[in-house]
């Protein structure tokens, strides 16, 4: 199978938002303990029906003992649909045994994922101890079942250790610094409960989230993959496709084929969110947001 292997998005941190005693919100960075995979794949009509990532024996989790996980992907199809993308685990002291779909708690999303545009799923083992989790999740992989999908999939998976120094970060202070427990990765969906598929193809402004009178849009995550490189910018405004009072929310990202933004930002109230493309290129992805 022809595929392009390159680093997906510079996701060395996952963002979350914490309410601070009525003083608004603050961003907290949480470093993953494991990077299971972060790649972009291009599928053609002749590609195999299934692909196992990161390949070989999968990701060796024996020494790192990550216990909680985040899987996210953006799929941009030129034709067809995906069957599934499954997060899997296996035991084995030296080499992996039989892989099977993750048997712990699926905290958010579903596993396997069946969306042909993109999704975010988080997992928690619920193991009684790090030793028990190491045995249970010694090896990790992701299986893509292509069906007749033709296009590009950008996919990443990360892991955290349980307890202090793991998902919530270590040392000092009053608590984990994030909504949730130390055993659960702190991700942007904690502050932004809504998700929407992103689909764009036309040059210029395309609305991806309509305004709601008196309510402000907070973007916690947006990821989009394109069929080819294109200039990309987020803007906001009123009227048809943000044409009234158009204002830049970001600078212009030049000639990008895939982009992910995980630093939360809030637009003024009563404004719609739009994507501005420098040329007509098909793209798709995922928006995670709040509107209140």
C-alpha atoms as a PDB file:
ATOM      1  CA  UNK A   1       0.000   0.000   0.000  1.00  0.00           C
ATOM      2  CA  UNK A   2       1.204   3.443  -0.853  1.00  0.00           C
ATOM      3  CA  UNK A   3       1.141   5.639   2.183  1.00  0.00           C
ATOM      4  CA  UNK A   4       2.796   8.761   3.433  1.00  0.00           C
ATOM      5  CA  UNK A   5       4.356   8.582   6.876  1.00  0.00           C
ATOM      6  CA  UNK A   6       4.911  11.935   8.482  1.00  0.00           C
ATOM      7  CA  UNK A   7       4.447  13.508  11.842  1.00  0.00           C
ATOM      8  CA  UNK A   8       0.825  14.482  12.443  1.00  0.00           C
ATOM      9  CA  UNK A   9       0.206  17.828  14.128  1.00  0.00           C
ATOM     10  CA  UNK A  10       2.724  18.881  16.773  1.00  0.00           C
ATOM     11  CA  UNK A  11       0.626  17.456  19.597  1.00  0.00           C
ATOM     12  CA  UNK A  12       3.174  17.252  22.385  1.00  0.00           C
ATOM     13  CA  UNK A  13       0.535  18.549  24.780  1.00  0.00           C
ATOM     14  CA  UNK A  14      -3.188  18.152  25.280  1.00  0.00           C
ATOM     15  CA  UNK A  15      -5.080  21.238  26.412  1.00  0.00           C
ATOM     16  CA  UNK A  16      -7.741  21.488  29.073  1.00  0.00           C
ATOM     17  CA  UNK A  17      -9.615  24.279  30.767  1.00  0.00           C
ATOM     18  CA  UNK A  18     -10.148  24.758  34.482  1.00  0.00           C
ATOM     19  CA  UNK A  19     -12.544  27.149  36.193  1.00  0.00           C
ATOM     20  CA  UNK A  20     -10.622  29.270  38.668  1.00  0.00           C
ATOM     21  CA  UNK A  21     -12.899  30.501  41.456  1.00  0.00           C
ATOM     22  CA  UNK A  22     -15.035  32.681  39.221  1.00  0.00           C
ATOM     23  CA  UNK A  23     -11.978  34.250  37.529  1.00  0.00           C
ATOM     24  CA  UNK A  24     -12.677  32.811  34.075  1.00  0.00           C
ATOM     25  CA  UNK A  25     -10.636  29.987  32.611  1.00  0.00           C
ATOM     26  CA  UNK A  26      -7.005  29.036  32.326  1.00  0.00           C
ATOM     27  CA  UNK A  27      -5.255  26.629  30.002  1.00  0.00           C
ATOM     28  CA  UNK A  28      -3.368  23.702  31.522  1.00  0.00           C
ATOM     29  CA  UNK A  29      -0.879  21.690  29.470  1.00  0.00           C
ATOM     30  CA  UNK A  30      -0.646  17.936  30.058  1.00  0.00           C
ATOM     31  CA  UNK A  31       2.305  16.095  28.527  1.00  0.00           C
ATOM     32  CA  UNK A  32       1.557  12.584  27.235  1.00  0.00           C
ATOM     33  CA  UNK A  33       3.716   9.842  28.747  1.00  0.00           C
ATOM     34  CA  UNK A  34       3.371   7.699  25.589  1.00  0.00           C
ATOM     35  CA  UNK A  35       3.099   8.622  21.933  1.00  0.00           C
ATOM     36  CA  UNK A  36       1.619   5.486  20.428  1.00  0.00           C
ATOM     37  CA  UNK A  37       1.461   6.916  16.906  1.00  0.00           C
ATOM     38  CA  UNK A  38       1.113  10.191  15.013  1.00  0.00           C
ATOM     39  CA  UNK A  39       1.011   9.786  11.242  1.00  0.00           C
ATOM     40  CA  UNK A  40      -0.776  10.630   8.009  1.00  0.00           C
ATOM     41  CA  UNK A  41      -1.835   7.884   5.586  1.00  0.00           C
ATOM     42  CA  UNK A  42      -2.988   8.130   1.982  1.00  0.00           C
ATOM     43  CA  UNK A  43      -5.232   5.314   0.738  1.00  0.00           C
ATOM     44  CA  UNK A  44      -5.859   4.460  -2.915  1.00  0.00           C
ATOM     45  CA  UNK A  45      -8.404   2.121  -4.490  1.00  0.00           C
ATOM     46  CA  UNK A  46      -5.740  -0.610  -4.471  1.00  0.00           C
ATOM     47  CA  UNK A  47      -4.804  -0.265  -0.803  1.00  0.00           C
ATOM     48  CA  UNK A  48      -5.233  -3.283   1.510  1.00  0.00           C
ATOM     49  CA  UNK A  49      -8.558  -3.620   3.309  1.00  0.00           C
ATOM     50  CA  UNK A  50      -6.934  -3.428   6.769  1.00  0.00           C
ATOM     51  CA  UNK A  51      -3.847  -1.772   8.260  1.00  0.00           C
ATOM     52  CA  UNK A  52      -2.351  -2.282  11.716  1.00  0.00           C
ATOM     53  CA  UNK A  53      -0.437   0.633  13.266  1.00  0.00           C
ATOM     54  CA  UNK A  54       2.243   1.339  14.270  1.00  0.00           C
ATOM     55  CA  UNK A  55       3.150  -2.007  12.629  1.00  0.00           C
ATOM     56  CA  UNK A  56       5.055  -5.100  13.681  1.00  0.00           C
ATOM     57  CA  UNK A  57       4.345  -5.873  17.321  1.00  0.00           C
ATOM     58  CA  UNK A  58       2.579  -2.565  17.842  1.00  0.00           C
ATOM     59  CA  UNK A  59       3.575  -0.062  20.536  1.00  0.00           C
ATOM     60  CA  UNK A  60       5.628  -1.545  23.400  1.00  0.00           C
ATOM     61  CA  UNK A  61       3.941  -0.284  26.580  1.00  0.00           C
ATOM     62  CA  UNK A  62       5.725  -2.643  29.012  1.00  0.00           C
ATOM     63  CA  UNK A  63       8.247  -0.181  30.438  1.00  0.00           C
ATOM     64  CA  UNK A  64       6.132   3.005  30.215  1.00  0.00           C
ATOM     65  CA  UNK A  65       2.973   1.347  31.587  1.00  0.00           C
ATOM     66  CA  UNK A  66       0.549   3.943  30.230  1.00  0.00           C
ATOM     67  CA  UNK A  67      -2.973   3.229  31.419  1.00  0.00           C
ATOM     68  CA  UNK A  68      -5.234   5.950  29.986  1.00  0.00           C
ATOM     69  CA  UNK A  69      -5.393   6.874  26.316  1.00  0.00           C
ATOM     70  CA  UNK A  70      -6.589   9.385  23.732  1.00  0.00           C
ATOM     71  CA  UNK A  71      -7.203   8.460  20.071  1.00  0.00           C
ATOM     72  CA  UNK A  72      -8.120  11.099  17.489  1.00  0.00           C
ATOM     73  CA  UNK A  73      -8.236  11.166  13.714  1.00  0.00           C
ATOM     74  CA  UNK A  74      -9.327  13.266  10.759  1.00  0.00           C
ATOM     75  CA  UNK A  75     -10.376  11.489   7.550  1.00  0.00           C
ATOM     76  CA  UNK A  76     -10.680  13.307   4.234  1.00  0.00           C
ATOM     77  CA  UNK A  77     -12.308  11.094   1.613  1.00  0.00           C
ATOM     78  CA  UNK A  78     -12.187  11.543  -2.136  1.00  0.00           C
ATOM     79  CA  UNK A  79     -14.571   8.579  -2.367  1.00  0.00           C
ATOM     80  CA  UNK A  80     -15.987   5.748  -0.267  1.00  0.00           C
ATOM     81  CA  UNK A  81     -16.385   5.304   3.482  1.00  0.00           C
ATOM     82  CA  UNK A  82     -14.449   3.735   6.349  1.00  0.00           C
ATOM     83  CA  UNK A  83     -15.602   0.578   8.098  1.00  0.00           C
ATOM     84  CA  UNK A  84     -13.860   1.233  11.434  1.00  0.00           C
ATOM     85  CA  UNK A  85     -10.817   2.404  13.364  1.00  0.00           C
ATOM     86  CA  UNK A  86     -10.210   0.263  16.473  1.00  0.00           C
ATOM     87  CA  UNK A  87      -7.889   0.820  19.446  1.00  0.00           C
ATOM     88  CA  UNK A  88      -6.528  -2.564  20.565  1.00  0.00           C
ATOM     89  CA  UNK A  89      -4.396  -4.052  23.355  1.00  0.00           C
ATOM     90  CA  UNK A  90      -2.569  -7.319  24.052  1.00  0.00           C
ATOM     91  CA  UNK A  91      -0.678  -8.943  26.886  1.00  0.00           C
ATOM     92  CA  UNK A  92       2.678 -10.675  26.594  1.00  0.00           C
ATOM     93  CA  UNK A  93       5.925 -10.526  28.571  1.00  0.00           C
ATOM     94  CA  UNK A  94       8.248 -10.803  25.552  1.00  0.00           C
ATOM     95  CA  UNK A  95       6.068 -10.595  22.433  1.00  0.00           C
ATOM     96  CA  UNK A  96       2.382  -9.670  22.154  1.00  0.00           C
ATOM     97  CA  UNK A  97      -0.342 -12.242  22.438  1.00  0.00           C
ATOM     98  CA  UNK A  98      -3.583 -11.881  20.515  1.00  0.00           C
ATOM     99  CA  UNK A  99      -4.745  -8.292  20.076  1.00  0.00           C
ATOM    100  CA  UNK A 100      -8.366  -7.448  20.855  1.00  0.00           C
ATOM    101  CA  UNK A 101     -10.384  -4.261  21.108  1.00  0.00           C
ATOM    102  CA  UNK A 102      -9.647  -2.286  24.275  1.00  0.00           C
ATOM    103  CA  UNK A 103     -11.522  -3.884  27.159  1.00  0.00           C
ATOM    104  CA  UNK A 104     -11.346  -1.069  29.695  1.00  0.00           C
ATOM    105  CA  UNK A 105     -13.637   1.930  30.055  1.00  0.00           C
ATOM    106  CA  UNK A 106     -14.388   4.036  26.970  1.00  0.00           C
ATOM    107  CA  UNK A 107     -14.698   7.407  28.719  1.00  0.00           C
ATOM    108  CA  UNK A 108     -15.799   9.455  25.700  1.00  0.00           C
ATOM    109  CA  UNK A 109     -16.651   8.433  22.141  1.00  0.00           C
ATOM    110  CA  UNK A 110     -16.867   4.842  20.898  1.00  0.00           C
ATOM    111  CA  UNK A 111     -14.480   1.992  20.054  1.00  0.00           C
ATOM    112  CA  UNK A 112     -14.219   0.953  17.288  1.00  0.00           C
ATOM    113  CA  UNK A 113     -14.912   4.333  15.667  1.00  0.00           C
ATOM    114  CA  UNK A 114     -17.060   4.228  12.543  1.00  0.00           C
ATOM    115  CA  UNK A 115     -17.019   7.882  11.439  1.00  0.00           C
ATOM    116  CA  UNK A 116     -15.655   8.528   7.945  1.00  0.00           C
ATOM    117  CA  UNK A 117     -14.759  12.145   8.831  1.00  0.00           C
ATOM    118  CA  UNK A 118     -13.084  12.013  12.254  1.00  0.00           C
ATOM    119  CA  UNK A 119     -13.520  11.416  15.966  1.00  0.00           C
ATOM    120  CA  UNK A 120     -11.981  11.713  19.426  1.00  0.00           C
ATOM    121  CA  UNK A 121     -12.137   8.796  21.873  1.00  0.00           C
ATOM    122  CA  UNK A 122     -10.679   8.560  25.370  1.00  0.00           C
ATOM    123  CA  UNK A 123     -10.042   5.385  27.361  1.00  0.00           C
ATOM    124  CA  UNK A 124      -9.452   4.573  31.047  1.00  0.00           C
ATOM    125  CA  UNK A 125      -8.353   1.143  32.217  1.00  0.00           C
ATOM    126  CA  UNK A 126      -9.850   1.121  35.690  1.00  0.00           C
ATOM    127  CA  UNK A 127      -6.967  -1.135  36.764  1.00  0.00           C
ATOM    128  CA  UNK A 128      -6.324  -1.629  40.477  1.00  0.00           C
ATOM    129  CA  UNK A 129      -2.577  -1.028  40.117  1.00  0.00           C
ATOM    130  CA  UNK A 130       0.086  -0.063  37.606  1.00  0.00           C
ATOM    131  CA  UNK A 131       1.366  -3.652  37.621  1.00  0.00           C
ATOM    132  CA  UNK A 132      -2.040  -5.027  36.703  1.00  0.00           C
ATOM    133  CA  UNK A 133      -2.360  -2.525  33.870  1.00  0.00           C
ATOM    134  CA  UNK A 134       1.119  -3.268  32.545  1.00  0.00           C
ATOM    135  CA  UNK A 135       0.249  -6.944  32.182  1.00  0.00           C
ATOM    136  CA  UNK A 136      -3.120  -6.178  30.651  1.00  0.00           C
ATOM    137  CA  UNK A 137      -1.968  -3.492  28.207  1.00  0.00           C
ATOM    138  CA  UNK A 138       1.619  -4.505  27.428  1.00  0.00           C
ATOM    139  CA  UNK A 139       1.188  -3.854  23.720  1.00  0.00           C
ATOM    140  CA  UNK A 140      -1.014  -1.320  21.886  1.00  0.00           C
ATOM    141  CA  UNK A 141      -2.084  -0.891  18.292  1.00  0.00           C
ATOM    142  CA  UNK A 142      -4.706   0.705  16.061  1.00  0.00           C
ATOM    143  CA  UNK A 143      -6.438  -1.219  13.264  1.00  0.00           C
ATOM    144  CA  UNK A 144      -7.924   0.657  10.306  1.00  0.00           C
ATOM    145  CA  UNK A 145     -10.506  -1.315   8.314  1.00  0.00           C
ATOM    146  CA  UNK A 146     -10.697   0.627   5.077  1.00  0.00           C
ATOM    147  CA  UNK A 147     -13.840  -0.693   3.341  1.00  0.00           C
ATOM    148  CA  UNK A 148     -13.819   1.330   0.083  1.00  0.00           C
ATOM    149  CA  UNK A 149     -12.344   4.522   1.587  1.00  0.00           C
ATOM    150  CA  UNK A 150     -10.023   6.463  -0.729  1.00  0.00           C
ATOM    151  CA  UNK A 151      -8.348   9.558   0.684  1.00  0.00           C
ATOM    152  CA  UNK A 152      -6.207  10.697   3.606  1.00  0.00           C
ATOM    153  CA  UNK A 153      -6.397   9.788   7.291  1.00  0.00           C
ATOM    154  CA  UNK A 154      -4.417  11.734   9.882  1.00  0.00           C
ATOM    155  CA  UNK A 155      -4.372   9.829  13.140  1.00  0.00           C
ATOM    156  CA  UNK A 156      -2.703  10.092  16.538  1.00  0.00           C
ATOM    157  CA  UNK A 157      -2.856   8.156  19.811  1.00  0.00           C
ATOM    158  CA  UNK A 158      -1.354   9.127  23.172  1.00  0.00           C
ATOM    159  CA  UNK A 159      -1.173   7.589  26.631  1.00  0.00           C
ATOM    160  CA  UNK A 160      -0.801   8.663  30.252  1.00  0.00           C
ATOM    161  CA  UNK A 161       0.254   6.921  33.438  1.00  0.00           C
ATOM    162  CA  UNK A 162      -2.202   6.705  36.328  1.00  0.00           C
ATOM    163  CA  UNK A 163      -1.982   8.908  39.401  1.00  0.00           C
ATOM    164  CA  UNK A 164       0.523  11.595  40.337  1.00  0.00           C
ATOM    165  CA  UNK A 165       3.003  12.327  37.590  1.00  0.00           C
ATOM    166  CA  UNK A 166       0.694  10.745  35.023  1.00  0.00           C
ATOM    167  CA  UNK A 167      -2.408  12.123  33.386  1.00  0.00           C
ATOM    168  CA  UNK A 168      -2.751  15.030  35.767  1.00  0.00           C
ATOM    169  CA  UNK A 169       0.904  15.952  35.941  1.00  0.00           C
ATOM    170  CA  UNK A 170       2.999  15.657  39.058  1.00  0.00           C
ATOM    171  CA  UNK A 171       3.864  17.515  42.124  1.00  0.00           C
ATOM    172  CA  UNK A 172       2.554  20.234  44.359  1.00  0.00           C
ATOM    173  CA  UNK A 173      -0.421  22.516  44.324  1.00  0.00           C
ATOM    174  CA  UNK A 174      -4.047  21.948  45.076  1.00  0.00           C
ATOM    175  CA  UNK A 175      -5.271  19.010  43.044  1.00  0.00           C
ATOM    176  CA  UNK A 176      -4.892  17.884  39.480  1.00  0.00           C
ATOM    177  CA  UNK A 177      -5.339  21.284  37.824  1.00  0.00           C
ATOM    178  CA  UNK A 178      -7.983  19.871  35.457  1.00  0.00           C
ATOM    179  CA  UNK A 179     -11.620  18.916  35.556  1.00  0.00           C
ATOM    180  CA  UNK A 180     -11.784  15.193  36.270  1.00  0.00           C
ATOM    181  CA  UNK A 181      -9.533  12.806  38.193  1.00  0.00           C
ATOM    182  CA  UNK A 182      -5.845  12.064  37.997  1.00  0.00           C
ATOM    183  CA  UNK A 183      -6.644   8.728  36.396  1.00  0.00           C
ATOM    184  CA  UNK A 184      -8.375  10.393  33.451  1.00  0.00           C
ATOM    185  CA  UNK A 185      -6.486  12.327  30.736  1.00  0.00           C
ATOM    186  CA  UNK A 186      -7.399  15.993  30.851  1.00  0.00           C
ATOM    187  CA  UNK A 187      -8.678  16.880  27.383  1.00  0.00           C
ATOM    188  CA  UNK A 188     -10.476  19.769  25.784  1.00  0.00           C
ATOM    189  CA  UNK A 189     -13.867  18.039  25.700  1.00  0.00           C
ATOM    190  CA  UNK A 190     -14.161  18.640  29.467  1.00  0.00           C
ATOM    191  CA  UNK A 191     -14.834  22.324  28.814  1.00  0.00           C
ATOM    192  CA  UNK A 192     -16.378  21.939  25.359  1.00  0.00           C
ATOM    193  CA  UNK A 193     -19.139  19.327  25.330  1.00  0.00           C
ATOM    194  CA  UNK A 194     -20.197  19.764  21.684  1.00  0.00           C
ATOM    195  CA  UNK A 195     -18.730  18.223  18.535  1.00  0.00           C
ATOM    196  CA  UNK A 196     -19.416  18.992  14.874  1.00  0.00           C
ATOM    197  CA  UNK A 197     -18.037  17.598  11.625  1.00  0.00           C
ATOM    198  CA  UNK A 198     -16.130  20.095   9.465  1.00  0.00           C
ATOM    199  CA  UNK A 199     -16.508  19.922   5.685  1.00  0.00           C
ATOM    200  CA  UNK A 200     -15.084  22.578   3.358  1.00  0.00           C
ATOM    201  CA  UNK A 201     -14.235  22.710  -0.340  1.00  0.00           C
ATOM    202  CA  UNK A 202     -14.764  26.255  -1.659  1.00  0.00           C
ATOM    203  CA  UNK A 203     -12.350  29.141  -1.902  1.00  0.00           C
ATOM    204  CA  UNK A 204     -13.128  31.987   0.499  1.00  0.00           C
ATOM    205  CA  UNK A 205     -15.389  31.909   3.541  1.00  0.00           C
ATOM    206  CA  UNK A 206     -17.400  28.842   4.575  1.00  0.00           C
ATOM    207  CA  UNK A 207     -19.469  28.845   7.771  1.00  0.00           C
ATOM    208  CA  UNK A 208     -18.778  25.864  10.025  1.00  0.00           C
ATOM    209  CA  UNK A 209     -20.778  26.966  13.074  1.00  0.00           C
ATOM    210  CA  UNK A 210     -23.764  29.314  13.028  1.00  0.00           C
ATOM    211  CA  UNK A 211     -24.143  32.201  15.457  1.00  0.00           C
ATOM    212  CA  UNK A 212     -26.577  32.099  18.339  1.00  0.00           C
ATOM    213  CA  UNK A 213     -27.837  35.459  19.559  1.00  0.00           C
ATOM    214  CA  UNK A 214     -26.199  36.518  22.813  1.00  0.00           C
ATOM    215  CA  UNK A 215     -24.002  33.394  22.980  1.00  0.00           C
ATOM    216  CA  UNK A 216     -20.244  33.164  22.479  1.00  0.00           C
ATOM    217  CA  UNK A 217     -18.473  30.291  20.714  1.00  0.00           C
ATOM    218  CA  UNK A 218     -15.476  28.775  22.499  1.00  0.00           C
ATOM    219  CA  UNK A 219     -13.292  26.616  20.276  1.00  0.00           C
ATOM    220  CA  UNK A 220     -11.389  23.993  22.247  1.00  0.00           C
ATOM    221  CA  UNK A 221     -10.201  21.885  19.312  1.00  0.00           C
ATOM    222  CA  UNK A 222     -10.363  21.994  15.550  1.00  0.00           C
ATOM    223  CA  UNK A 223      -8.571  19.612  13.214  1.00  0.00           C
ATOM    224  CA  UNK A 224      -8.874  19.559   9.433  1.00  0.00           C
ATOM    225  CA  UNK A 225      -7.126  17.551   6.720  1.00  0.00           C
ATOM    226  CA  UNK A 226      -7.025  18.631   3.055  1.00  0.00           C
ATOM    227  CA  UNK A 227      -6.576  16.848  -0.250  1.00  0.00           C
ATOM    228  CA  UNK A 228      -3.646  19.171  -1.020  1.00  0.00           C
ATOM    229  CA  UNK A 229      -1.883  22.173   0.491  1.00  0.00           C
ATOM    230  CA  UNK A 230      -4.029  25.269   0.975  1.00  0.00           C
ATOM    231  CA  UNK A 231      -3.916  28.558   2.901  1.00  0.00           C
ATOM    232  CA  UNK A 232      -6.172  28.262   5.967  1.00  0.00           C
ATOM    233  CA  UNK A 233      -7.604  30.857   8.342  1.00  0.00           C
ATOM    234  CA  UNK A 234     -10.387  30.961  10.937  1.00  0.00           C
ATOM    235  CA  UNK A 235     -12.592  34.053  10.905  1.00  0.00           C
ATOM    236  CA  UNK A 236     -15.832  35.174  12.530  1.00  0.00           C
ATOM    237  CA  UNK A 237     -18.670  37.535  11.688  1.00  0.00           C
ATOM    238  CA  UNK A 238     -22.403  37.808  11.083  1.00  0.00           C
ATOM    239  CA  UNK A 239     -24.575  37.422   8.031  1.00  0.00           C
ATOM    240  CA  UNK A 240     -24.112  34.796   5.341  1.00  0.00           C
ATOM    241  CA  UNK A 241     -20.755  32.984   5.775  1.00  0.00           C
ATOM    242  CA  UNK A 242     -19.443  35.609   8.228  1.00  0.00           C
ATOM    243  CA  UNK A 243     -19.686  38.289   5.516  1.00  0.00           C
ATOM    244  CA  UNK A 244     -20.818  40.946   8.014  1.00  0.00           C
ATOM    245  CA  UNK A 245     -18.106  42.387  10.220  1.00  0.00           C
ATOM    246  CA  UNK A 246     -15.601  39.742   9.113  1.00  0.00           C
ATOM    247  CA  UNK A 247     -12.734  39.504  11.616  1.00  0.00           C
ATOM    248  CA  UNK A 248      -9.699  37.232  11.690  1.00  0.00           C
ATOM    249  CA  UNK A 249      -9.627  34.761  14.596  1.00  0.00           C
ATOM    250  CA  UNK A 250      -6.233  33.359  13.521  1.00  0.00           C
ATOM    251  CA  UNK A 251      -3.486  34.304  11.134  1.00  0.00           C
ATOM    252  CA  UNK A 252      -3.183  32.615   7.750  1.00  0.00           C
ATOM    253  CA  UNK A 253      -1.630  29.145   7.955  1.00  0.00           C
ATOM    254  CA  UNK A 254       0.260  28.822   4.700  1.00  0.00           C
ATOM    255  CA  UNK A 255      -0.043  25.804   2.383  1.00  0.00           C
ATOM    256  CA  UNK A 256      -1.202  23.342   5.050  1.00  0.00           C
ATOM    257  CA  UNK A 257      -2.477  19.852   4.296  1.00  0.00           C
ATOM    258  CA  UNK A 258      -3.427  19.112   7.879  1.00  0.00           C
ATOM    259  CA  UNK A 259      -3.879  21.321  10.912  1.00  0.00           C
ATOM    260  CA  UNK A 260      -4.966  20.906  14.548  1.00  0.00           C
ATOM    261  CA  UNK A 261      -5.488  23.705  17.078  1.00  0.00           C
ATOM    262  CA  UNK A 262      -5.839  22.717  20.743  1.00  0.00           C
ATOM    263  CA  UNK A 263      -5.459  26.076  22.492  1.00  0.00           C
ATOM    264  CA  UNK A 264      -8.962  27.198  23.575  1.00  0.00           C
ATOM    265  CA  UNK A 265     -10.156  30.624  22.430  1.00  0.00           C
ATOM    266  CA  UNK A 266     -13.507  32.413  22.640  1.00  0.00           C
ATOM    267  CA  UNK A 267     -15.158  34.588  20.010  1.00  0.00           C
ATOM    268  CA  UNK A 268     -17.292  37.641  20.828  1.00  0.00           C
ATOM    269  CA  UNK A 269     -20.972  36.934  21.479  1.00  0.00           C
ATOM    270  CA  UNK A 270     -23.431  36.605  18.584  1.00  0.00           C
ATOM    271  CA  UNK A 271     -20.773  35.681  16.030  1.00  0.00           C
ATOM    272  CA  UNK A 272     -20.551  32.721  13.617  1.00  0.00           C
ATOM    273  CA  UNK A 273     -17.331  30.763  13.004  1.00  0.00           C
ATOM    274  CA  UNK A 274     -16.019  30.381   9.452  1.00  0.00           C
ATOM    275  CA  UNK A 275     -13.075  28.884   7.585  1.00  0.00           C
ATOM    276  CA  UNK A 276     -11.390  30.981   4.900  1.00  0.00           C
ATOM    277  CA  UNK A 277      -9.529  28.955   2.249  1.00  0.00           C
ATOM    278  CA  UNK A 278      -7.097  30.466  -0.212  1.00  0.00           C
ATOM    279  CA  UNK A 279      -8.299  28.130  -2.963  1.00  0.00           C
ATOM    280  CA  UNK A 280     -10.948  25.475  -3.560  1.00  0.00           C
ATOM    281  CA  UNK A 281      -9.566  22.318  -1.898  1.00  0.00           C
ATOM    282  CA  UNK A 282     -11.659  19.579  -0.298  1.00  0.00           C
ATOM    283  CA  UNK A 283     -11.131  19.181   3.429  1.00  0.00           C
ATOM    284  CA  UNK A 284     -12.798  17.615   6.440  1.00  0.00           C
ATOM    285  CA  UNK A 285     -12.322  17.277  10.144  1.00  0.00           C
ATOM    286  CA  UNK A 286     -13.697  17.842  13.618  1.00  0.00           C
ATOM    287  CA  UNK A 287     -14.695  20.844  15.744  1.00  0.00           C
ATOM    288  CA  UNK A 288     -15.006  20.558  19.538  1.00  0.00           C
ATOM    289  CA  UNK A 289     -16.696  23.606  21.041  1.00  0.00           C
ATOM    290  CA  UNK A 290     -18.990  25.264  23.560  1.00  0.00           C
ATOM    291  CA  UNK A 291     -21.615  27.894  22.745  1.00  0.00           C
ATOM    292  CA  UNK A 292     -23.000  29.701  25.746  1.00  0.00           C
END
